[in-house]
């Protein structure tokens, strides 16, 4: 059985309407799960498995353990009883929401419990982490670099929490918050990571490791970026320029939440 790749939904309304139909979910998953869209038994490799329409599963014609398999096989959905009609809209929402999304939002949108939404959110974020050693800037496109502090506002915290986080030294200047550095290649890939300090040697070392030498790097005017022009082609933009505001907001709210989740334990 072979299936062609189906068009991607462009809006949330289209995604929810499309993925409400289990048959559409199945058609969407087949070319993603099986190379070339050819349904293949994950145990023995046969390509003539019988489709069980009432279960939306396949059964291999060879006799062996795990003869039956579904389009979830080999994915983050495989060992979950949650149907694809819930998983796929959740994935669409998470990867298309640049401001990040909470488990409560997911719970309300999908009609699942908050506990289920939390489980889905963390599993999808884990799957989206990229541990590869690719470098940005290899396609000639400019790479935007920005950094920010992640953490709640001190005035919204209970006094005991402020004291615990600040260690008695106060929370001004980003103290007791995680510092996140993000790099976004236009029309390309992204990297984000927590850094110990916003200091020039640390940030230069990360740029050396993550960005191709000679690439165009777009930053603001913070002094931690001074001297980069010896290694890459730097275009310094005033802090507050439109593309950096958009980039920074996206990097912080989207990339960081994807890479690390939204808690101090993930940022440590």
Protein backbone atom coordinates (compact mmCIF):
# COMPACT_ATOMS: atom_id res chain seq x y z
CA UNK A 1 0.00 0.00 0.00
CA UNK A 2 1.40 3.39 -0.98
CA UNK A 3 0.15 6.86 -0.10
CA UNK A 4 1.07 10.27 -1.46
CA UNK A 5 1.92 13.13 0.85
CA UNK A 6 -1.14 15.27 1.59
CA UNK A 7 -1.20 19.10 1.67
CA UNK A 8 -0.36 20.79 4.97
CA UNK A 9 -3.23 22.67 6.70
CA UNK A 10 -2.46 26.40 6.62
CA UNK A 11 -4.64 27.66 9.50
CA UNK A 12 -5.75 26.33 12.88
CA UNK A 13 -9.31 26.04 11.61
CA UNK A 14 -8.15 23.99 8.62
CA UNK A 15 -5.98 21.80 10.88
CA UNK A 16 -8.80 21.03 13.31
CA UNK A 17 -11.31 20.38 10.53
CA UNK A 18 -8.90 18.19 8.58
CA UNK A 19 -7.58 16.14 11.50
CA UNK A 20 -11.05 15.54 12.95
CA UNK A 21 -11.41 12.79 10.34
CA UNK A 22 -9.44 9.64 11.36
CA UNK A 23 -9.00 8.69 7.70
CA UNK A 24 -7.34 12.04 7.00
CA UNK A 25 -5.01 11.49 9.97
CA UNK A 26 -4.08 8.09 8.59
CA UNK A 27 -3.43 9.46 5.10
CA UNK A 28 -1.31 12.24 6.60
CA UNK A 29 0.80 9.88 8.72
CA UNK A 30 1.55 7.15 6.16
CA UNK A 31 4.14 9.07 4.07
CA UNK A 32 5.70 10.44 7.27
CA UNK A 33 5.98 7.09 9.03
CA UNK A 34 6.91 4.84 6.13
CA UNK A 35 9.70 5.81 3.66
CA UNK A 36 8.32 6.52 0.21
CA UNK A 37 4.77 6.13 1.52
CA UNK A 38 5.02 2.33 1.22
CA UNK A 39 3.54 0.64 4.30
CA UNK A 40 6.21 -1.75 5.59
CA UNK A 41 6.11 -4.18 8.49
CA UNK A 42 8.53 -2.78 11.10
CA UNK A 43 9.44 -6.30 12.24
CA UNK A 44 10.15 -8.22 9.04
CA UNK A 45 10.05 -5.55 6.30
CA UNK A 46 7.24 -7.04 4.20
CA UNK A 47 5.34 -4.51 2.10
CA UNK A 48 2.14 -6.49 1.51
CA UNK A 49 0.55 -6.25 4.96
CA UNK A 50 -3.24 -6.56 5.11
CA UNK A 51 -5.09 -3.39 6.11
CA UNK A 52 -7.68 -3.88 8.87
CA UNK A 53 -10.10 -1.06 8.07
CA UNK A 54 -12.16 -1.34 11.26
CA UNK A 55 -9.02 -0.84 13.40
CA UNK A 56 -7.08 1.38 10.98
CA UNK A 57 -4.11 -0.93 11.48
CA UNK A 58 -2.13 -3.37 9.34
CA UNK A 59 -1.42 -7.04 9.91
CA UNK A 60 1.70 -8.62 8.46
CA UNK A 61 1.14 -11.84 6.51
CA UNK A 62 4.17 -13.44 8.16
CA UNK A 63 3.65 -15.06 11.54
CA UNK A 64 5.77 -13.34 14.19
CA UNK A 65 5.35 -11.20 17.32
CA UNK A 66 3.85 -7.75 16.80
CA UNK A 67 2.23 -8.69 13.51
CA UNK A 68 -0.19 -5.79 13.85
CA UNK A 69 1.05 -2.23 13.64
CA UNK A 70 -0.36 1.23 13.03
CA UNK A 71 0.74 4.52 11.48
CA UNK A 72 1.96 5.51 14.96
CA UNK A 73 4.77 2.94 14.86
CA UNK A 74 8.21 4.42 15.48
CA UNK A 75 6.81 7.82 16.46
CA UNK A 76 6.26 9.65 19.74
CA UNK A 77 2.60 8.64 19.44
CA UNK A 78 3.23 4.88 19.36
CA UNK A 79 2.76 3.88 22.99
CA UNK A 80 -0.02 6.37 23.69
CA UNK A 81 -3.77 5.64 23.70
CA UNK A 82 -4.41 9.24 22.62
CA UNK A 83 -5.72 9.18 19.03
CA UNK A 84 -4.06 10.92 16.12
CA UNK A 85 -7.11 13.20 15.91
CA UNK A 86 -5.79 14.83 19.10
CA UNK A 87 -2.03 14.47 18.54
CA UNK A 88 -1.84 16.06 15.09
CA UNK A 89 -3.77 19.29 15.90
CA UNK A 90 -1.62 19.57 19.05
CA UNK A 91 1.58 19.33 16.97
CA UNK A 92 0.23 21.90 14.52
CA UNK A 93 -0.62 24.34 17.32
CA UNK A 94 2.76 24.00 19.05
CA UNK A 95 4.94 24.45 15.96
CA UNK A 96 2.85 27.34 14.59
CA UNK A 97 2.39 29.37 17.78
CA UNK A 98 5.41 31.67 18.09
CA UNK A 99 4.32 32.85 21.55
CA UNK A 100 4.42 29.35 22.98
CA UNK A 101 1.42 27.44 24.27
CA UNK A 102 0.53 26.16 27.73
CA UNK A 103 -1.02 22.84 28.69
CA UNK A 104 -4.15 24.72 29.77
CA UNK A 105 -4.55 26.24 26.30
CA UNK A 106 -4.06 22.82 24.73
CA UNK A 107 -6.54 21.26 27.15
CA UNK A 108 -9.21 23.81 26.23
CA UNK A 109 -8.56 23.66 22.49
CA UNK A 110 -8.53 19.86 22.15
CA UNK A 111 -11.07 18.89 24.80
CA UNK A 112 -8.63 16.69 26.75
CA UNK A 113 -7.74 16.85 30.44
CA UNK A 114 -5.01 19.25 31.52
CA UNK A 115 -2.91 16.27 32.63
CA UNK A 116 -3.19 14.73 29.15
CA UNK A 117 -2.39 18.08 27.53
CA UNK A 118 0.71 18.43 29.74
CA UNK A 119 1.89 14.96 28.70
CA UNK A 120 1.34 15.74 25.00
CA UNK A 121 3.06 19.10 25.25
CA UNK A 122 6.20 17.72 26.87
CA UNK A 123 6.44 14.77 24.52
CA UNK A 124 6.11 17.00 21.44
CA UNK A 125 8.69 19.47 22.79
CA UNK A 126 11.09 16.62 23.48
CA UNK A 127 10.68 15.35 19.91
CA UNK A 128 11.36 18.83 18.54
CA UNK A 129 14.74 19.16 20.23
CA UNK A 130 17.58 19.13 17.74
CA UNK A 131 20.82 17.67 19.10
CA UNK A 132 22.67 17.66 15.77
CA UNK A 133 25.88 19.60 15.14
CA UNK A 134 24.67 21.57 12.10
CA UNK A 135 25.90 25.14 11.67
CA UNK A 136 23.74 28.11 10.80
CA UNK A 137 24.54 30.45 7.92
CA UNK A 138 25.56 27.74 5.45
CA UNK A 139 22.82 28.71 2.96
CA UNK A 140 24.00 32.31 2.68
CA UNK A 141 21.05 33.69 4.63
CA UNK A 142 21.66 36.10 7.52
CA UNK A 143 21.58 34.72 11.07
CA UNK A 144 19.85 36.80 13.75
CA UNK A 145 21.34 36.50 17.23
CA UNK A 146 19.63 37.71 20.38
CA UNK A 147 19.58 36.98 24.09
CA UNK A 148 17.13 37.58 26.93
CA UNK A 149 16.23 36.66 30.48
CA UNK A 150 13.61 34.00 31.21
CA UNK A 151 11.73 34.02 34.50
CA UNK A 152 8.71 35.48 36.25
CA UNK A 153 8.46 39.12 37.28
CA UNK A 154 9.68 39.71 40.81
CA UNK A 155 6.67 41.85 41.71
CA UNK A 156 4.34 38.93 40.94
CA UNK A 157 6.18 36.51 43.22
CA UNK A 158 5.50 35.74 46.86
CA UNK A 159 8.06 37.33 49.16
CA UNK A 160 9.42 33.93 50.22
CA UNK A 161 10.02 32.95 46.58
CA UNK A 162 11.78 36.24 45.82
CA UNK A 163 14.10 35.70 48.77
CA UNK A 164 14.78 32.09 47.80
CA UNK A 165 15.60 32.93 44.18
CA UNK A 166 17.59 36.06 44.86
CA UNK A 167 19.66 34.70 47.73
CA UNK A 168 19.17 38.02 49.49
CA UNK A 169 20.92 40.02 46.73
CA UNK A 170 17.86 41.26 44.87
CA UNK A 171 16.54 40.41 41.41
CA UNK A 172 17.64 43.46 39.44
CA UNK A 173 19.60 43.04 36.22
CA UNK A 174 18.27 39.58 35.48
CA UNK A 175 19.58 38.07 38.72
CA UNK A 176 18.00 34.66 39.48
CA UNK A 177 16.73 34.32 35.91
CA UNK A 178 17.89 32.02 33.13
CA UNK A 179 19.77 33.72 30.27
CA UNK A 180 18.74 32.35 26.90
CA UNK A 181 20.68 32.92 23.70
CA UNK A 182 18.89 32.25 20.42
CA UNK A 183 20.09 32.12 16.83
CA UNK A 184 17.66 32.20 13.92
CA UNK A 185 18.70 31.70 10.31
CA UNK A 186 16.21 33.44 8.05
CA UNK A 187 14.23 30.91 6.04
CA UNK A 188 16.23 28.23 7.82
CA UNK A 189 16.86 26.56 11.15
CA UNK A 190 17.22 27.74 14.72
CA UNK A 191 19.29 27.07 17.82
CA UNK A 192 18.64 28.13 21.41
CA UNK A 193 20.51 27.42 24.61
CA UNK A 194 20.84 28.56 28.20
CA UNK A 195 24.10 30.40 28.94
CA UNK A 196 25.65 31.03 32.37
CA UNK A 197 26.47 34.71 31.82
CA UNK A 198 25.95 37.39 29.18
CA UNK A 199 29.68 37.89 28.67
CA UNK A 200 31.65 38.40 25.47
CA UNK A 201 33.90 35.27 25.67
CA UNK A 202 30.91 32.99 26.30
CA UNK A 203 28.78 34.41 23.50
CA UNK A 204 31.65 34.57 21.01
CA UNK A 205 32.44 30.92 21.75
CA UNK A 206 28.83 29.89 21.09
CA UNK A 207 28.72 31.85 17.84
CA UNK A 208 31.98 30.20 16.75
CA UNK A 209 30.50 26.77 17.46
CA UNK A 210 27.06 27.35 15.94
CA UNK A 211 27.53 29.73 13.00
CA UNK A 212 29.54 29.16 9.83
CA UNK A 213 32.65 31.37 9.54
CA UNK A 214 32.02 34.29 7.20
CA UNK A 215 28.23 34.14 7.60
CA UNK A 216 26.21 37.34 7.95
CA UNK A 217 25.26 37.82 11.61
CA UNK A 218 22.65 40.39 12.62
CA UNK A 219 22.77 41.55 16.24
CA UNK A 220 21.83 44.55 18.33
CA UNK A 221 24.41 46.96 19.75
CA UNK A 222 25.12 45.14 23.01
CA UNK A 223 28.86 45.21 23.79
CA UNK A 224 29.02 41.41 24.13
CA UNK A 225 28.94 41.27 20.31
CA UNK A 226 31.93 43.58 19.81
CA UNK A 227 34.79 41.98 17.90
CA UNK A 228 32.63 39.47 16.04
CA UNK A 229 33.57 41.03 12.71
CA UNK A 230 36.93 39.24 12.92
CA UNK A 231 35.13 35.89 12.44
CA UNK A 232 31.82 36.63 10.72
CA UNK A 233 30.25 39.42 8.70
CA UNK A 234 28.40 41.48 11.30
CA UNK A 235 25.47 43.80 10.68
CA UNK A 236 24.74 45.61 13.93
CA UNK A 237 21.19 46.94 14.23
CA UNK A 238 19.87 49.35 16.89
CA UNK A 239 18.15 47.60 19.79
CA UNK A 240 14.42 47.80 19.10
CA UNK A 241 14.56 47.43 15.32
CA UNK A 242 11.58 45.59 13.90
CA UNK A 243 13.26 42.38 12.78
CA UNK A 244 15.12 41.99 16.07
CA UNK A 245 11.96 42.51 18.10
CA UNK A 246 10.21 39.82 16.10
CA UNK A 247 13.22 37.54 16.21
CA UNK A 248 13.77 37.99 19.92
CA UNK A 249 10.13 37.38 20.77
CA UNK A 250 10.07 34.27 18.61
CA UNK A 251 13.34 32.95 19.96
CA UNK A 252 12.35 33.43 23.57
CA UNK A 253 8.72 32.37 23.51
CA UNK A 254 8.96 29.68 20.85
CA UNK A 255 12.42 28.15 20.62
CA UNK A 256 13.21 28.22 24.33
CA UNK A 257 9.87 26.67 25.30
CA UNK A 258 10.41 24.00 22.68
CA UNK A 259 13.94 23.21 23.80
CA UNK A 260 13.58 23.43 27.55
CA UNK A 261 9.96 23.74 28.64
CA UNK A 262 8.69 26.43 31.00
CA UNK A 263 10.20 25.87 34.43
CA UNK A 264 13.37 26.58 36.35
CA UNK A 265 14.31 22.91 36.34
CA UNK A 266 14.33 22.85 32.52
CA UNK A 267 16.39 26.04 32.37
CA UNK A 268 19.03 24.85 34.78
